[in-house]
Amino acid sequence: MKQKIGSLLLFAGLVFLCSCSKKEKKETELTPTNALEQYSGVMIKAKRRAEGMTELLPLKQLIDSFRAQEGRNPSSLQELVEKGYTQEIPRPPAGKHYVYDPNTGSVTLQ
């Protein structure tokens, strides 16, 4: 008898946990009531990413030019200025900074 009650309680607990996780998923599903909000969120993220790429593209081109002419990656972004590839390093967007890896020549925004 105790085994049946224990099994029944275990089964009820599993059903309860499974039903709770489904409710959480419904909140993130696309519905007519939250479609505009989710679309806005996606568009804001896409805009930020595009702005970051706009800032990085000229800097990546400078690094590529340096590599083509010097046969190596610049040791720092400041070396681009020192060697005359640019007058100054473009400023990153507010609240961001450039992360440059001289080994790979890659630059990112963080």
PDB file of N, CA and C in Angstrom:
ATOM      1  N   MET A   1       0.822  -1.191   0.000  1.00  0.00           N
ATOM      2  CA  MET A   1       0.000   0.000   0.000  1.00  0.00           C
ATOM      3  C   MET A   1       0.870   1.261   0.000  1.00  0.00           C
ATOM      4  N   LYS A   2       1.936   1.253   0.847  1.00  0.00           N
ATOM      5  CA  LYS A   2       2.812   2.413   0.915  1.00  0.00           C
ATOM      6  C   LYS A   2       3.552   2.608  -0.408  1.00  0.00           C
ATOM      7  N   GLN A   3       3.885   1.512  -1.082  1.00  0.00           N
ATOM      8  CA  GLN A   3       4.568   1.612  -2.364  1.00  0.00           C
ATOM      9  C   GLN A   3       3.652   2.245  -3.407  1.00  0.00           C
ATOM     10  N   LYS A   4       2.359   1.905  -3.366  1.00  0.00           N
ATOM     11  CA  LYS A   4       1.417   2.482  -4.330  1.00  0.00           C
ATOM     12  C   LYS A   4       1.262   3.981  -4.094  1.00  0.00           C
ATOM     13  N   ILE A   5       1.192   4.379  -2.825  1.00  0.00           N
ATOM     14  CA  ILE A   5       1.048   5.800  -2.498  1.00  0.00           C
ATOM     15  C   ILE A   5       2.323   6.548  -2.903  1.00  0.00           C
ATOM     16  N   GLY A   6       3.480   5.959  -2.625  1.00  0.00           N
ATOM     17  CA  GLY A   6       4.752   6.582  -3.003  1.00  0.00           C
ATOM     18  C   GLY A   6       4.864   6.728  -4.520  1.00  0.00           C
ATOM     19  N   SER A   7       4.468   5.693  -5.232  1.00  0.00           N
ATOM     20  CA  SER A   7       4.517   5.748  -6.694  1.00  0.00           C
ATOM     21  C   SER A   7       3.558   6.801  -7.228  1.00  0.00           C
ATOM     22  N   LEU A   8       2.380   6.863  -6.622  1.00  0.00           N
ATOM     23  CA  LEU A   8       1.380   7.843  -7.038  1.00  0.00           C
ATOM     24  C   LEU A   8       1.879   9.269  -6.778  1.00  0.00           C
ATOM     25  N   LEU A   9       2.506   9.514  -5.631  1.00  0.00           N
ATOM     26  CA  LEU A   9       3.059  10.832  -5.321  1.00  0.00           C
ATOM     27  C   LEU A   9       4.200  11.193  -6.278  1.00  0.00           C
ATOM     28  N   LEU A  10       5.041  10.225  -6.592  1.00  0.00           N
ATOM     29  CA  LEU A  10       6.129  10.455  -7.530  1.00  0.00           C
ATOM     30  C   LEU A  10       5.580  10.810  -8.911  1.00  0.00           C
ATOM     31  N   PHE A  11       4.584  10.081  -9.352  1.00  0.00           N
ATOM     32  CA  PHE A  11       3.960  10.353 -10.646  1.00  0.00           C
ATOM     33  C   PHE A  11       3.317  11.741 -10.661  1.00  0.00           C
ATOM     34  N   ALA A  12       2.628  12.090  -9.590  1.00  0.00           N
ATOM     35  CA  ALA A  12       1.981  13.404  -9.502  1.00  0.00           C
ATOM     36  C   ALA A  12       3.030  14.518  -9.523  1.00  0.00           C
ATOM     37  N   GLY A  13       4.147  14.291  -8.846  1.00  0.00           N
ATOM     38  CA  GLY A  13       5.216  15.290  -8.843  1.00  0.00           C
ATOM     39  C   GLY A  13       5.808  15.487 -10.228  1.00  0.00           C
ATOM     40  N   LEU A  14       6.012  14.406 -10.957  1.00  0.00           N
ATOM     41  CA  LEU A  14       6.539  14.504 -12.317  1.00  0.00           C
ATOM     42  C   LEU A  14       5.569  15.230 -13.244  1.00  0.00           C
ATOM     43  N   VAL A  15       4.288  14.931 -13.114  1.00  0.00           N
ATOM     44  CA  VAL A  15       3.284  15.620 -13.931  1.00  0.00           C
ATOM     45  C   VAL A  15       3.287  17.105 -13.620  1.00  0.00           C
ATOM     46  N   PHE A  16       3.401  17.446 -12.343  1.00  0.00           N
ATOM     47  CA  PHE A  16       3.421  18.846 -11.932  1.00  0.00           C
ATOM     48  C   PHE A  16       4.637  19.565 -12.519  1.00  0.00           C
ATOM     49  N   LEU A  17       5.814  18.947 -12.430  1.00  0.00           N
ATOM     50  CA  LEU A  17       7.030  19.567 -12.964  1.00  0.00           C
ATOM     51  C   LEU A  17       6.956  19.741 -14.477  1.00  0.00           C
ATOM     52  N   CYS A  18       6.432  18.761 -15.159  1.00  0.00           N
ATOM     53  CA  CYS A  18       6.310  18.862 -16.620  1.00  0.00           C
ATOM     54  C   CYS A  18       5.335  19.958 -17.020  1.00  0.00           C
ATOM     55  N   SER A  19       4.250  20.097 -16.291  1.00  0.00           N
ATOM     56  CA  SER A  19       3.270  21.129 -16.639  1.00  0.00           C
ATOM     57  C   SER A  19       3.814  22.521 -16.345  1.00  0.00           C
ATOM     58  N   CYS A  20       4.671  22.647 -15.336  1.00  0.00           N
ATOM     59  CA  CYS A  20       5.268  23.953 -15.035  1.00  0.00           C
ATOM     60  C   CYS A  20       6.211  24.389 -16.141  1.00  0.00           C
ATOM     61  N   SER A  21       7.004  23.475 -16.663  1.00  0.00           N
ATOM     62  CA  SER A  21       7.954  23.842 -17.701  1.00  0.00           C
ATOM     63  C   SER A  21       7.229  24.228 -18.992  1.00  0.00           C
ATOM     64  N   LYS A  22       6.088  23.649 -19.264  1.00  0.00           N
ATOM     65  CA  LYS A  22       5.325  24.017 -20.456  1.00  0.00           C
ATOM     66  C   LYS A  22       4.787  25.431 -20.342  1.00  0.00           C
ATOM     67  N   LYS A  23       4.391  25.840 -19.149  1.00  0.00           N
ATOM     68  CA  LYS A  23       3.884  27.194 -18.955  1.00  0.00           C
ATOM     69  C   LYS A  23       4.975  28.219 -19.228  1.00  0.00           C
ATOM     70  N   GLU A  24       6.205  27.919 -18.818  1.00  0.00           N
ATOM     71  CA  GLU A  24       7.308  28.840 -19.064  1.00  0.00           C
ATOM     72  C   GLU A  24       7.567  28.983 -20.559  1.00  0.00           C
ATOM     73  N   LYS A  25       7.465  27.903 -21.307  1.00  0.00           N
ATOM     74  CA  LYS A  25       7.689  27.957 -22.739  1.00  0.00           C
ATOM     75  C   LYS A  25       6.625  28.789 -23.433  1.00  0.00           C
ATOM     76  N   LYS A  26       5.390  28.724 -22.972  1.00  0.00           N
ATOM     77  CA  LYS A  26       4.308  29.478 -23.597  1.00  0.00           C
ATOM     78  C   LYS A  26       4.559  30.980 -23.514  1.00  0.00           C
ATOM     79  N   GLU A  27       5.219  31.431 -22.460  1.00  0.00           N
ATOM     80  CA  GLU A  27       5.486  32.860 -22.309  1.00  0.00           C
ATOM     81  C   GLU A  27       6.470  33.368 -23.360  1.00  0.00           C
ATOM     82  N   THR A  28       7.351  32.505 -23.867  1.00  0.00           N
ATOM     83  CA  THR A  28       8.326  32.932 -24.854  1.00  0.00           C
ATOM     84  C   THR A  28       7.898  32.604 -26.283  1.00  0.00           C
ATOM     85  N   GLU A  29       6.796  31.898 -26.449  1.00  0.00           N
ATOM     86  CA  GLU A  29       6.309  31.582 -27.790  1.00  0.00           C
ATOM     87  C   GLU A  29       5.761  32.832 -28.459  1.00  0.00           C
ATOM     88  N   LEU A  30       5.810  32.838 -29.755  1.00  0.00           N
ATOM     89  CA  LEU A  30       5.270  33.948 -30.528  1.00  0.00           C
ATOM     90  C   LEU A  30       3.753  33.827 -30.573  1.00  0.00           C
ATOM     91  N   THR A  31       3.081  34.842 -30.078  1.00  0.00           N
ATOM     92  CA  THR A  31       1.616  34.888 -30.091  1.00  0.00           C
ATOM     93  C   THR A  31       1.191  36.237 -30.643  1.00  0.00           C
ATOM     94  N   PRO A  32      -0.056  36.369 -31.053  1.00  0.00           N
ATOM     95  CA  PRO A  32      -0.505  37.673 -31.552  1.00  0.00           C
ATOM     96  C   PRO A  32      -0.339  38.800 -30.533  1.00  0.00           C
ATOM     97  N   THR A  33      -0.397  38.476 -29.268  1.00  0.00           N
ATOM     98  CA  THR A  33      -0.290  39.532 -28.258  1.00  0.00           C
ATOM     99  C   THR A  33       1.144  39.972 -27.990  1.00  0.00           C
ATOM    100  N   ASN A  34       2.134  39.100 -28.237  1.00  0.00           N
ATOM    101  CA  ASN A  34       3.512  39.498 -27.956  1.00  0.00           C
ATOM    102  C   ASN A  34       4.365  39.606 -29.225  1.00  0.00           C
ATOM    103  N   ALA A  35       3.767  39.462 -30.389  1.00  0.00           N
ATOM    104  CA  ALA A  35       4.520  39.470 -31.644  1.00  0.00           C
ATOM    105  C   ALA A  35       5.258  40.791 -31.854  1.00  0.00           C
ATOM    106  N   LEU A  36       4.588  41.896 -31.639  1.00  0.00           N
ATOM    107  CA  LEU A  36       5.220  43.198 -31.858  1.00  0.00           C
ATOM    108  C   LEU A  36       6.388  43.407 -30.898  1.00  0.00           C
ATOM    109  N   GLU A  37       6.207  43.012 -29.667  1.00  0.00           N
ATOM    110  CA  GLU A  37       7.272  43.163 -28.671  1.00  0.00           C
ATOM    111  C   GLU A  37       8.488  42.316 -29.047  1.00  0.00           C
ATOM    112  N   GLN A  38       8.274  41.087 -29.452  1.00  0.00           N
ATOM    113  CA  GLN A  38       9.392  40.226 -29.842  1.00  0.00           C
ATOM    114  C   GLN A  38      10.051  40.736 -31.115  1.00  0.00           C
ATOM    115  N   TYR A  39       9.268  41.209 -32.067  1.00  0.00           N
ATOM    116  CA  TYR A  39       9.824  41.756 -33.307  1.00  0.00           C
ATOM    117  C   TYR A  39      10.689  42.971 -32.996  1.00  0.00           C
ATOM    118  N   SER A  40      10.202  43.829 -32.121  1.00  0.00           N
ATOM    119  CA  SER A  40      10.974  45.019 -31.743  1.00  0.00           C
ATOM    120  C   SER A  40      12.305  44.626 -31.114  1.00  0.00           C
ATOM    121  N   GLY A  41      12.283  43.633 -30.244  1.00  0.00           N
ATOM    122  CA  GLY A  41      13.505  43.182 -29.601  1.00  0.00           C
ATOM    123  C   GLY A  41      14.517  42.653 -30.607  1.00  0.00           C
ATOM    124  N   VAL A  42      14.041  41.894 -31.572  1.00  0.00           N
ATOM    125  CA  VAL A  42      14.925  41.354 -32.603  1.00  0.00           C
ATOM    126  C   VAL A  42      15.501  42.483 -33.452  1.00  0.00           C
ATOM    127  N   MET A  43      14.681  43.447 -33.805  1.00  0.00           N
ATOM    128  CA  MET A  43      15.137  44.549 -34.641  1.00  0.00           C
ATOM    129  C   MET A  43      16.146  45.437 -33.904  1.00  0.00           C
ATOM    130  N   ILE A  44      15.948  45.649 -32.619  1.00  0.00           N
ATOM    131  CA  ILE A  44      16.891  46.448 -31.835  1.00  0.00           C
ATOM    132  C   ILE A  44      18.244  45.748 -31.786  1.00  0.00           C
ATOM    133  N   LYS A  45      18.250  44.432 -31.569  1.00  0.00           N
ATOM    134  CA  LYS A  45      19.500  43.682 -31.551  1.00  0.00           C
ATOM    135  C   LYS A  45      20.181  43.733 -32.911  1.00  0.00           C
ATOM    136  N   ALA A  46      19.414  43.602 -33.982  1.00  0.00           N
ATOM    137  CA  ALA A  46      19.984  43.649 -35.330  1.00  0.00           C
ATOM    138  C   ALA A  46      20.589  45.024 -35.620  1.00  0.00           C
ATOM    139  N   LYS A  47      19.905  46.074 -35.175  1.00  0.00           N
ATOM    140  CA  LYS A  47      20.413  47.432 -35.388  1.00  0.00           C
ATOM    141  C   LYS A  47      21.731  47.641 -34.641  1.00  0.00           C
ATOM    142  N   ARG A  48      21.799  47.190 -33.409  1.00  0.00           N
ATOM    143  CA  ARG A  48      23.035  47.323 -32.633  1.00  0.00           C
ATOM    144  C   ARG A  48      24.184  46.553 -33.281  1.00  0.00           C
ATOM    145  N   ARG A  49      23.879  45.369 -33.769  1.00  0.00           N
ATOM    146  CA  ARG A  49      24.916  44.566 -34.411  1.00  0.00           C
ATOM    147  C   ARG A  49      25.407  45.241 -35.694  1.00  0.00           C
ATOM    148  N   ALA A  50      24.476  45.790 -36.471  1.00  0.00           N
ATOM    149  CA  ALA A  50      24.843  46.480 -37.711  1.00  0.00           C
ATOM    150  C   ALA A  50      25.679  47.718 -37.403  1.00  0.00           C
ATOM    151  N   GLU A  51      25.325  48.450 -36.363  1.00  0.00           N
ATOM    152  CA  GLU A  51      26.109  49.624 -35.981  1.00  0.00           C
ATOM    153  C   GLU A  51      27.519  49.220 -35.578  1.00  0.00           C
ATOM    154  N   GLY A  52      27.645  48.118 -34.875  1.00  0.00           N
ATOM    155  CA  GLY A  52      28.957  47.626 -34.486  1.00  0.00           C
ATOM    156  C   GLY A  52      29.792  47.251 -35.693  1.00  0.00           C
ATOM    157  N   MET A  53      29.162  46.626 -36.680  1.00  0.00           N
ATOM    158  CA  MET A  53      29.880  46.254 -37.900  1.00  0.00           C
ATOM    159  C   MET A  53      30.298  47.502 -38.669  1.00  0.00           C
ATOM    160  N   THR A  54      29.460  48.518 -38.665  1.00  0.00           N
ATOM    161  CA  THR A  54      29.795  49.769 -39.342  1.00  0.00           C
ATOM    162  C   THR A  54      31.027  50.395 -38.709  1.00  0.00           C
ATOM    163  N   GLU A  55      31.146  50.297 -37.405  1.00  0.00           N
ATOM    164  CA  GLU A  55      32.304  50.841 -36.703  1.00  0.00           C
ATOM    165  C   GLU A  55      33.555  50.000 -36.949  1.00  0.00           C
ATOM    166  N   LEU A  56      33.394  48.683 -37.063  1.00  0.00           N
ATOM    167  CA  LEU A  56      34.538  47.793 -37.188  1.00  0.00           C
ATOM    168  C   LEU A  56      35.094  47.704 -38.608  1.00  0.00           C
ATOM    169  N   LEU A  57      34.262  47.867 -39.602  1.00  0.00           N
ATOM    170  CA  LEU A  57      34.695  47.661 -40.981  1.00  0.00           C
ATOM    171  C   LEU A  57      35.888  48.531 -41.381  1.00  0.00           C
ATOM    172  N   PRO A  58      35.872  49.844 -41.133  1.00  0.00           N
ATOM    173  CA  PRO A  58      37.050  50.643 -41.505  1.00  0.00           C
ATOM    174  C   PRO A  58      38.319  50.210 -40.768  1.00  0.00           C
ATOM    175  N   LEU A  59      38.175  49.834 -39.526  1.00  0.00           N
ATOM    176  CA  LEU A  59      39.329  49.391 -38.743  1.00  0.00           C
ATOM    177  C   LEU A  59      39.874  48.073 -39.291  1.00  0.00           C
ATOM    178  N   LYS A  60      38.982  47.164 -39.658  1.00  0.00           N
ATOM    179  CA  LYS A  60      39.421  45.891 -40.250  1.00  0.00           C
ATOM    180  C   LYS A  60      40.126  46.134 -41.580  1.00  0.00           C
ATOM    181  N   GLN A  61      39.644  47.090 -42.348  1.00  0.00           N
ATOM    182  CA  GLN A  61      40.287  47.408 -43.623  1.00  0.00           C
ATOM    183  C   GLN A  61      41.687  47.977 -43.404  1.00  0.00           C
ATOM    184  N   LEU A  62      41.860  48.792 -42.381  1.00  0.00           N
ATOM    185  CA  LEU A  62      43.192  49.316 -42.056  1.00  0.00           C
ATOM    186  C   LEU A  62      44.151  48.185 -41.675  1.00  0.00           C
ATOM    187  N   ILE A  63      43.656  47.255 -40.887  1.00  0.00           N
ATOM    188  CA  ILE A  63      44.475  46.114 -40.472  1.00  0.00           C
ATOM    189  C   ILE A  63      44.856  45.270 -41.692  1.00  0.00           C
ATOM    190  N   ASP A  64      43.885  45.054 -42.594  1.00  0.00           N
ATOM    191  CA  ASP A  64      44.164  44.287 -43.816  1.00  0.00           C
ATOM    192  C   ASP A  64      45.203  44.983 -44.689  1.00  0.00           C
ATOM    193  N   SER A  65      45.097  46.304 -44.810  1.00  0.00           N
ATOM    194  CA  SER A  65      46.080  47.066 -45.596  1.00  0.00           C
ATOM    195  C   SER A  65      47.470  46.957 -44.976  1.00  0.00           C
ATOM    196  N   PHE A  66      47.540  47.086 -43.667  1.00  0.00           N
ATOM    197  CA  PHE A  66      48.814  46.960 -42.956  1.00  0.00           C
ATOM    198  C   PHE A  66      49.417  45.588 -43.228  1.00  0.00           C
ATOM    199  N   ARG A  67      48.608  44.538 -43.088  1.00  0.00           N
ATOM    200  CA  ARG A  67      49.082  43.173 -43.287  1.00  0.00           C
ATOM    201  C   ARG A  67      49.594  42.971 -44.723  1.00  0.00           C
ATOM    202  N   ALA A  68      48.864  43.522 -45.696  1.00  0.00           N
ATOM    203  CA  ALA A  68      49.261  43.369 -47.096  1.00  0.00           C
ATOM    204  C   ALA A  68      50.591  44.065 -47.376  1.00  0.00           C
ATOM    205  N   GLN A  69      50.806  45.209 -46.778  1.00  0.00           N
ATOM    206  CA  GLN A  69      52.025  45.972 -47.059  1.00  0.00           C
ATOM    207  C   GLN A  69      53.205  45.577 -46.178  1.00  0.00           C
ATOM    208  N   GLU A  70      52.927  45.235 -44.929  1.00  0.00           N
ATOM    209  CA  GLU A  70      54.006  44.947 -43.978  1.00  0.00           C
ATOM    210  C   GLU A  70      54.309  43.448 -43.854  1.00  0.00           C
ATOM    211  N   GLY A  71      53.378  42.612 -44.314  1.00  0.00           N
ATOM    212  CA  GLY A  71      53.589  41.166 -44.218  1.00  0.00           C
ATOM    213  C   GLY A  71      53.330  40.591 -42.842  1.00  0.00           C
ATOM    214  N   ARG A  72      52.691  41.356 -41.994  1.00  0.00           N
ATOM    215  CA  ARG A  72      52.361  40.907 -40.632  1.00  0.00           C
ATOM    216  C   ARG A  72      51.204  41.743 -40.113  1.00  0.00           C
ATOM    217  N   ASN A  73      50.626  41.305 -39.008  1.00  0.00           N
ATOM    218  CA  ASN A  73      49.586  42.094 -38.351  1.00  0.00           C
ATOM    219  C   ASN A  73      50.236  43.186 -37.518  1.00  0.00           C
ATOM    220  N   PRO A  74      49.558  44.321 -37.364  1.00  0.00           N
ATOM    221  CA  PRO A  74      50.120  45.339 -36.464  1.00  0.00           C
ATOM    222  C   PRO A  74      50.182  44.799 -35.034  1.00  0.00           C
ATOM    223  N   SER A  75      51.188  45.222 -34.302  1.00  0.00           N
ATOM    224  CA  SER A  75      51.323  44.744 -32.923  1.00  0.00           C
ATOM    225  C   SER A  75      50.267  45.357 -32.008  1.00  0.00           C
ATOM    226  N   SER A  76      49.728  46.499 -32.422  1.00  0.00           N
ATOM    227  CA  SER A  76      48.645  47.155 -31.678  1.00  0.00           C
ATOM    228  C   SER A  76      47.889  48.038 -32.660  1.00  0.00           C
ATOM    229  N   LEU A  77      46.727  48.497 -32.252  1.00  0.00           N
ATOM    230  CA  LEU A  77      45.980  49.416 -33.104  1.00  0.00           C
ATOM    231  C   LEU A  77      46.725  50.735 -33.238  1.00  0.00           C
ATOM    232  N   GLN A  78      47.456  51.108 -32.216  1.00  0.00           N
ATOM    233  CA  GLN A  78      48.215  52.357 -32.243  1.00  0.00           C
ATOM    234  C   GLN A  78      49.303  52.325 -33.318  1.00  0.00           C
ATOM    235  N   GLU A  79      49.793  51.148 -33.652  1.00  0.00           N
ATOM    236  CA  GLU A  79      50.811  51.042 -34.696  1.00  0.00           C
ATOM    237  C   GLU A  79      50.260  51.483 -36.054  1.00  0.00           C
ATOM    238  N   LEU A  80      48.956  51.354 -36.245  1.00  0.00           N
ATOM    239  CA  LEU A  80      48.340  51.845 -37.482  1.00  0.00           C
ATOM    240  C   LEU A  80      48.525  53.355 -37.613  1.00  0.00           C
ATOM    241  N   VAL A  81      48.453  54.061 -36.497  1.00  0.00           N
ATOM    242  CA  VAL A  81      48.652  55.510 -36.484  1.00  0.00           C
ATOM    243  C   VAL A  81      50.146  55.819 -36.661  1.00  0.00           C
ATOM    244  N   GLU A  82      50.985  55.113 -35.920  1.00  0.00           N
ATOM    245  CA  GLU A  82      52.427  55.359 -35.952  1.00  0.00           C
ATOM    246  C   GLU A  82      53.025  55.152 -37.344  1.00  0.00           C
ATOM    247  N   LYS A  83      52.494  54.180 -38.085  1.00  0.00           N
ATOM    248  CA  LYS A  83      53.019  53.880 -39.425  1.00  0.00           C
ATOM    249  C   LYS A  83      52.312  54.676 -40.523  1.00  0.00           C
ATOM    250  N   GLY A  84      51.356  55.527 -40.150  1.00  0.00           N
ATOM    251  CA  GLY A  84      50.700  56.403 -41.110  1.00  0.00           C
ATOM    252  C   GLY A  84      49.539  55.809 -41.882  1.00  0.00           C
ATOM    253  N   TYR A  85      48.972  54.709 -41.403  1.00  0.00           N
ATOM    254  CA  TYR A  85      47.821  54.115 -42.080  1.00  0.00           C
ATOM    255  C   TYR A  85      46.539  54.892 -41.800  1.00  0.00           C
ATOM    256  N   THR A  86      46.526  55.626 -40.721  1.00  0.00           N
ATOM    257  CA  THR A  86      45.395  56.485 -40.363  1.00  0.00           C
ATOM    258  C   THR A  86      45.896  57.576 -39.422  1.00  0.00           C
ATOM    259  N   GLN A  87      45.154  58.669 -39.358  1.00  0.00           N
ATOM    260  CA  GLN A  87      45.553  59.748 -38.452  1.00  0.00           C
ATOM    261  C   GLN A  87      45.176  59.433 -37.010  1.00  0.00           C
ATOM    262  N   GLU A  88      44.060  58.721 -36.843  1.00  0.00           N
ATOM    263  CA  GLU A  88      43.639  58.313 -35.501  1.00  0.00           C
ATOM    264  C   GLU A  88      42.759  57.085 -35.598  1.00  0.00           C
ATOM    265  N   ILE A  89      42.708  56.344 -34.515  1.00  0.00           N
ATOM    266  CA  ILE A  89      41.843  55.167 -34.440  1.00  0.00           C
ATOM    267  C   ILE A  89      40.413  55.661 -34.255  1.00  0.00           C
ATOM    268  N   PRO A  90      39.465  55.174 -35.070  1.00  0.00           N
ATOM    269  CA  PRO A  90      38.069  55.604 -34.902  1.00  0.00           C
ATOM    270  C   PRO A  90      37.582  55.293 -33.486  1.00  0.00           C
ATOM    271  N   ARG A  91      36.766  56.168 -32.974  1.00  0.00           N
ATOM    272  CA  ARG A  91      36.233  55.945 -31.622  1.00  0.00           C
ATOM    273  C   ARG A  91      35.161  54.870 -31.654  1.00  0.00           C
ATOM    274  N   PRO A  92      35.198  53.971 -30.681  1.00  0.00           N
ATOM    275  CA  PRO A  92      34.149  52.952 -30.614  1.00  0.00           C
ATOM    276  C   PRO A  92      32.838  53.577 -30.142  1.00  0.00           C
ATOM    277  N   PRO A  93      31.719  52.905 -30.368  1.00  0.00           N
ATOM    278  CA  PRO A  93      30.438  53.421 -29.876  1.00  0.00           C
ATOM    279  C   PRO A  93      30.476  53.606 -28.355  1.00  0.00           C
ATOM    280  N   ALA A  94      29.631  54.474 -27.871  1.00  0.00           N
ATOM    281  CA  ALA A  94      29.575  54.766 -26.434  1.00  0.00           C
ATOM    282  C   ALA A  94      29.390  53.482 -25.629  1.00  0.00           C
ATOM    283  N   GLY A  95      30.187  53.349 -24.598  1.00  0.00           N
ATOM    284  CA  GLY A  95      30.093  52.202 -23.705  1.00  0.00           C
ATOM    285  C   GLY A  95      30.789  50.952 -24.229  1.00  0.00           C
ATOM    286  N   LYS A  96      31.451  51.044 -25.371  1.00  0.00           N
ATOM    287  CA  LYS A  96      32.145  49.898 -25.963  1.00  0.00           C
ATOM    288  C   LYS A  96      33.631  50.202 -26.070  1.00  0.00           C
ATOM    289  N   HIS A  97      34.417  49.168 -26.294  1.00  0.00           N
ATOM    290  CA  HIS A  97      35.847  49.347 -26.554  1.00  0.00           C
ATOM    291  C   HIS A  97      36.307  48.258 -27.524  1.00  0.00           C
ATOM    292  N   TYR A  98      37.379  48.563 -28.232  1.00  0.00           N
ATOM    293  CA  TYR A  98      37.927  47.607 -29.180  1.00  0.00           C
ATOM    294  C   TYR A  98      38.786  46.582 -28.454  1.00  0.00           C
ATOM    295  N   VAL A  99      38.698  45.350 -28.911  1.00  0.00           N
ATOM    296  CA  VAL A  99      39.576  44.288 -28.436  1.00  0.00           C
ATOM    297  C   VAL A  99      40.308  43.772 -29.666  1.00  0.00           C
ATOM    298  N   TYR A 100      41.611  43.968 -29.680  1.00  0.00           N
ATOM    299  CA  TYR A 100      42.428  43.595 -30.831  1.00  0.00           C
ATOM    300  C   TYR A 100      43.353  42.446 -30.463  1.00  0.00           C
ATOM    301  N   ASP A 101      43.415  41.447 -31.333  1.00  0.00           N
ATOM    302  CA  ASP A 101      44.309  40.312 -31.149  1.00  0.00           C
ATOM    303  C   ASP A 101      45.380  40.368 -32.236  1.00  0.00           C
ATOM    304  N   PRO A 102      46.601  40.753 -31.897  1.00  0.00           N
ATOM    305  CA  PRO A 102      47.645  40.876 -32.916  1.00  0.00           C
ATOM    306  C   PRO A 102      48.046  39.539 -33.545  1.00  0.00           C
ATOM    307  N   ASN A 103      47.801  38.438 -32.858  1.00  0.00           N
ATOM    308  CA  ASN A 103      48.142  37.133 -33.422  1.00  0.00           C
ATOM    309  C   ASN A 103      47.276  36.787 -34.628  1.00  0.00           C
ATOM    310  N   THR A 104      46.001  37.128 -34.545  1.00  0.00           N
ATOM    311  CA  THR A 104      45.077  36.795 -35.635  1.00  0.00           C
ATOM    312  C   THR A 104      44.716  38.012 -36.488  1.00  0.00           C
ATOM    313  N   GLY A 105      44.946  39.206 -35.955  1.00  0.00           N
ATOM    314  CA  GLY A 105      44.575  40.424 -36.667  1.00  0.00           C
ATOM    315  C   GLY A 105      43.089  40.727 -36.559  1.00  0.00           C
ATOM    316  N   SER A 106      42.404  40.062 -35.649  1.00  0.00           N
ATOM    317  CA  SER A 106      40.961  40.296 -35.500  1.00  0.00           C
ATOM    318  C   SER A 106      40.701  41.391 -34.473  1.00  0.00           C
ATOM    319  N   VAL A 107      39.652  42.141 -34.727  1.00  0.00           N
ATOM    320  CA  VAL A 107      39.237  43.206 -33.828  1.00  0.00           C
ATOM    321  C   VAL A 107      37.740  43.053 -33.606  1.00  0.00           C
ATOM    322  N   THR A 108      37.327  43.199 -32.352  1.00  0.00           N
ATOM    323  CA  THR A 108      35.914  43.091 -31.995  1.00  0.00           C
ATOM    324  C   THR A 108      35.541  44.252 -31.075  1.00  0.00           C
ATOM    325  N   LEU A 109      34.241  44.413 -30.898  1.00  0.00           N
ATOM    326  CA  LEU A 109      33.719  45.398 -29.954  1.00  0.00           C
ATOM    327  C   LEU A 109      33.205  44.685 -28.724  1.00  0.00           C
ATOM    328  N   GLN A 110      33.529  45.217 -27.582  1.00  0.00           N
ATOM    329  CA  GLN A 110      32.972  44.653 -26.327  1.00  0.00           C
ATOM    330  C   GLN A 110      32.506  45.776 -25.447  1.00  0.00           C
TER     331      GLN A 110
END
